[in-house]
Protein backbone atom coordinates (compact mmCIF):
# COMPACT_ATOMS: atom_id res chain seq x y z
CA MET A 1 0.00 0.00 0.00
CA PRO A 2 1.52 3.38 -0.96
CA ARG A 3 2.31 5.92 1.71
CA VAL A 4 0.27 9.09 1.86
CA SER A 5 1.86 12.48 1.40
CA ARG A 6 2.31 14.88 4.31
CA LYS A 7 -0.48 17.03 2.84
CA GLN A 8 -2.83 14.01 2.70
CA ALA A 9 -1.87 12.99 6.24
CA ASP A 10 -2.62 16.51 7.51
CA GLN A 11 -5.98 16.45 5.73
CA HIS A 12 -6.79 13.04 7.23
CA ARG A 13 -5.98 14.38 10.70
CA ILE A 14 -8.37 17.28 10.13
CA GLU A 15 -11.07 14.87 8.95
CA VAL A 16 -10.66 12.71 12.06
CA ILE A 17 -10.89 15.76 14.34
CA GLU A 18 -13.98 17.02 12.50
CA ALA A 19 -15.64 13.61 12.82
CA ALA A 20 -14.77 13.46 16.52
CA SER A 21 -15.99 17.02 17.17
CA ARG A 22 -19.43 15.93 15.89
CA LEU A 23 -19.64 12.37 17.25
CA ILE A 24 -18.31 12.98 20.76
CA PRO A 25 -20.85 15.71 21.64
CA GLU A 26 -23.59 13.56 20.12
CA ARG A 27 -22.71 10.22 21.76
CA GLY A 28 -20.39 11.09 24.63
CA ILE A 29 -16.69 10.41 25.03
CA ASP A 30 -17.19 6.79 26.03
CA GLY A 31 -19.98 6.33 23.48
CA VAL A 32 -17.62 6.57 20.52
CA SER A 33 -14.91 4.04 19.78
CA VAL A 34 -11.71 4.75 17.88
CA PRO A 35 -12.80 2.43 15.02
CA ALA A 36 -16.14 4.30 14.75
CA LEU A 37 -14.37 7.67 14.68
CA MET A 38 -11.97 6.53 12.02
CA ALA A 39 -14.76 4.99 9.94
CA GLN A 40 -16.70 8.27 10.16
CA ALA A 41 -13.64 10.02 8.74
CA GLY A 42 -13.38 7.40 5.99
CA LEU A 43 -10.14 5.92 7.35
CA THR A 44 -9.07 2.60 8.82
CA HIS A 45 -8.66 1.98 12.53
CA GLY A 46 -4.98 1.21 11.97
CA ALA A 47 -4.29 4.76 10.82
CA PHE A 48 -5.38 6.28 14.14
CA TYR A 49 -2.05 6.09 15.95
CA GLY A 50 -0.29 7.76 13.07
CA HIS A 51 -2.29 10.86 13.96
CA PHE A 52 -2.81 10.68 17.75
CA PRO A 53 -0.95 9.02 20.61
CA SER A 54 -4.23 8.17 22.40
CA LYS A 55 -7.98 8.60 22.31
CA ASP A 56 -7.65 11.27 25.02
CA ALA A 57 -5.39 13.28 22.69
CA LEU A 58 -8.07 13.11 20.02
CA VAL A 59 -10.75 14.14 22.53
CA VAL A 60 -8.67 17.21 23.42
CA ALA A 61 -8.32 18.12 19.72
CA ALA A 62 -12.04 17.50 19.13
CA CYS A 63 -12.93 19.63 22.15
CA ASP A 64 -10.77 22.47 20.82
CA ALA A 65 -12.40 22.15 17.39
CA ALA A 66 -15.95 22.12 18.79
CA PHE A 67 -15.32 25.26 20.83
CA GLU A 68 -13.63 26.98 17.87
CA GLU A 69 -16.69 26.25 15.74
CA LYS A 70 -18.95 27.87 18.37
CA ARG A 71 -16.64 30.89 18.67
CA LYS A 72 -17.02 31.39 14.92
CA PHE A 73 -20.79 31.04 15.26
CA TYR A 74 -20.86 33.64 18.05
CA ASP A 75 -18.64 35.96 16.02
CA ASP A 76 -21.01 35.58 13.06
CA ILE A 77 -23.99 36.68 15.17
CA LEU A 78 -21.99 39.65 16.42
CA SER A 79 -20.89 40.71 12.95
CA ARG A 80 -24.41 40.47 11.53
CA HIS A 81 -25.73 42.71 14.31
CA ARG A 82 -22.74 45.03 14.61
CA GLY A 83 -23.73 48.02 16.68
CA ASP A 84 -27.04 46.53 17.83
CA GLY A 85 -26.22 44.60 20.98
CA ASP A 86 -29.86 44.10 21.89
CA ALA A 87 -30.58 42.39 18.55
CA ALA A 88 -27.52 40.11 18.86
CA ARG A 89 -28.55 39.20 22.42
CA GLN A 90 -32.09 38.29 21.35
CA VAL A 91 -30.93 36.22 18.39
CA PHE A 92 -28.40 34.36 20.55
CA ILE A 93 -30.87 33.56 23.33
CA LYS A 94 -33.64 32.54 20.93
CA ARG A 95 -31.30 30.24 18.99
CA TYR A 96 -29.86 28.69 22.13
CA THR A 97 -33.29 27.89 23.55
CA ARG A 98 -34.79 26.37 20.38
CA THR A 99 -35.91 22.75 20.42
CA SER A 100 -33.80 22.19 17.31
CA HIS A 101 -30.72 23.07 19.40
CA ARG A 102 -31.83 20.50 21.97
CA ASP A 103 -32.17 17.91 19.21
CA GLU A 104 -28.87 18.67 17.41
CA ARG A 105 -26.31 17.49 19.93
CA ALA A 106 -23.59 17.06 17.32
CA GLU A 107 -23.83 20.67 16.16
CA GLY A 108 -24.96 22.23 19.43
CA CYS A 109 -23.25 23.87 22.37
CA PRO A 110 -20.15 21.93 23.47
CA MET A 111 -20.60 23.19 27.04
CA ALA A 112 -23.95 21.42 27.33
CA ALA A 113 -22.89 18.38 25.32
CA LEU A 114 -19.66 17.64 27.15
CA CYS A 115 -20.08 18.91 30.72
CA GLY A 116 -21.43 15.62 32.07
CA ASP A 117 -18.62 13.56 30.55
CA VAL A 118 -15.86 15.99 31.42
CA GLY A 119 -17.11 16.37 34.99
CA ARG A 120 -16.52 12.70 35.76
CA GLU A 121 -13.65 11.77 38.06
CA GLY A 122 -11.61 10.04 35.35
CA ARG A 123 -11.52 13.13 33.13
CA LYS A 124 -9.04 15.17 35.12
CA GLY A 125 -6.05 16.34 33.13
CA PRO A 126 -5.78 17.46 29.50
CA ILE A 127 -9.43 16.82 28.58
CA ARG A 128 -10.75 18.89 31.48
CA ALA A 129 -8.15 21.60 30.81
CA ALA A 130 -9.18 21.80 27.14
CA PHE A 131 -12.86 21.92 28.13
CA ALA A 132 -12.26 24.68 30.72
CA ALA A 133 -10.26 26.73 28.20
CA GLY A 134 -13.02 26.30 25.63
CA VAL A 135 -15.71 27.30 28.12
CA ASN A 136 -13.77 30.38 29.12
CA SER A 137 -13.29 31.40 25.48
CA LEU A 138 -17.05 31.16 24.88
CA LEU A 139 -17.77 33.12 28.04
CA GLU A 140 -15.50 35.90 26.77
CA ARG A 141 -17.44 36.03 23.48
CA MET A 142 -20.73 35.99 25.35
CA SER A 143 -19.95 39.27 27.10
CA SER A 144 -20.44 40.99 23.74
CA LEU A 145 -23.35 38.75 22.71
CA LEU A 146 -25.21 39.52 25.91
CA SER A 147 -24.68 43.26 25.77
CA ARG A 148 -27.50 45.68 26.18
CA GLY A 149 -27.09 48.50 23.74
CA LYS A 150 -23.39 49.28 23.67
CA LYS A 151 -22.66 48.06 27.22
CA LYS A 152 -20.97 44.66 27.40
CA ALA A 153 -22.35 42.24 29.95
CA SER A 154 -20.31 41.86 33.13
CA ARG A 155 -18.50 38.61 33.91
CA GLU A 156 -21.10 37.84 36.58
CA GLU A 157 -23.97 38.40 34.12
CA VAL A 158 -22.28 36.13 31.58
CA LEU A 159 -21.69 33.37 34.14
CA THR A 160 -25.29 33.58 35.35
CA THR A 161 -26.74 33.57 31.84
CA ALA A 162 -24.48 30.72 30.70
CA SER A 163 -25.49 28.70 33.75
CA LEU A 164 -29.17 29.24 33.01
CA LEU A 165 -28.85 28.46 29.29
CA VAL A 166 -26.65 25.39 29.66
CA GLY A 167 -28.71 24.10 32.58
CA ALA A 168 -31.96 24.52 30.65
CA LEU A 169 -30.49 22.77 27.60
CA VAL A 170 -29.06 19.85 29.58
CA LEU A 171 -32.33 19.35 31.49
CA SER A 172 -34.33 19.69 28.28
CA ARG A 173 -32.23 16.98 26.64
CA ALA A 174 -32.49 14.72 29.68
CA THR A 175 -36.30 15.00 29.71
CA GLU A 176 -36.86 14.92 25.94
CA GLY A 177 -40.22 13.36 25.13
CA HIS A 178 -41.86 14.77 28.26
CA PRO A 179 -43.65 18.15 28.21
CA VAL A 180 -41.25 19.55 30.82
CA SER A 181 -38.46 19.32 28.24
CA GLU A 182 -39.79 22.26 26.25
CA GLU A 183 -40.80 24.07 29.43
CA PHE A 184 -37.14 24.30 30.49
CA LEU A 185 -36.20 26.02 27.23
CA ALA A 186 -39.25 28.30 27.20
CA ALA A 187 -38.72 29.38 30.80
CA ALA A 188 -35.05 30.23 30.22
CA ARG A 189 -35.92 32.16 27.05
CA LYS A 190 -38.69 34.09 28.81
CA VAL A 191 -36.59 35.05 31.84
CA LEU A 192 -33.63 36.15 29.74
CA LEU A 193 -35.60 38.08 27.14
CA GLU A 194 -37.91 39.81 29.60
CA ASP A 195 -35.03 40.76 31.88
């Protein structure tokens, strides 16, 4: 079998990270095997260790990629509503509290998707550090997204709002199929938009 070029190898690594950044939030860290991740990227299981020393190393890279994707999404909302902080805030909150966001774990908020897995005892170390760095980077972006007029939201306001949004989303996902699931999202949306 011919060897792949450095350019092809780099592209394969990107494809594996992209697959992992979708599958891990959707199924959980332990819910995705290395062979499944590699198959999703269109590669063989044997190629994995040519790209990553361990599954944990891939989880760190996938975590970084998932948070980077959300930072771009937040930046896009901000750029479309440049100068109108209230409009950006409303769009952000409405999008976050949609049932489609609840249902799209793979493309949704990495804070909500990964917090349960990362909070487990065995996840101390690089995975938790990558998650915490990603959370902090989103919180920094949220200070502009949650502004009122031209005034950026304070760190305390951002932490409170993030806690409410992530909590509502996690509880909504955990109760999906029961009427209370949508109530969590509606209540968070109402409180934050009427505030």
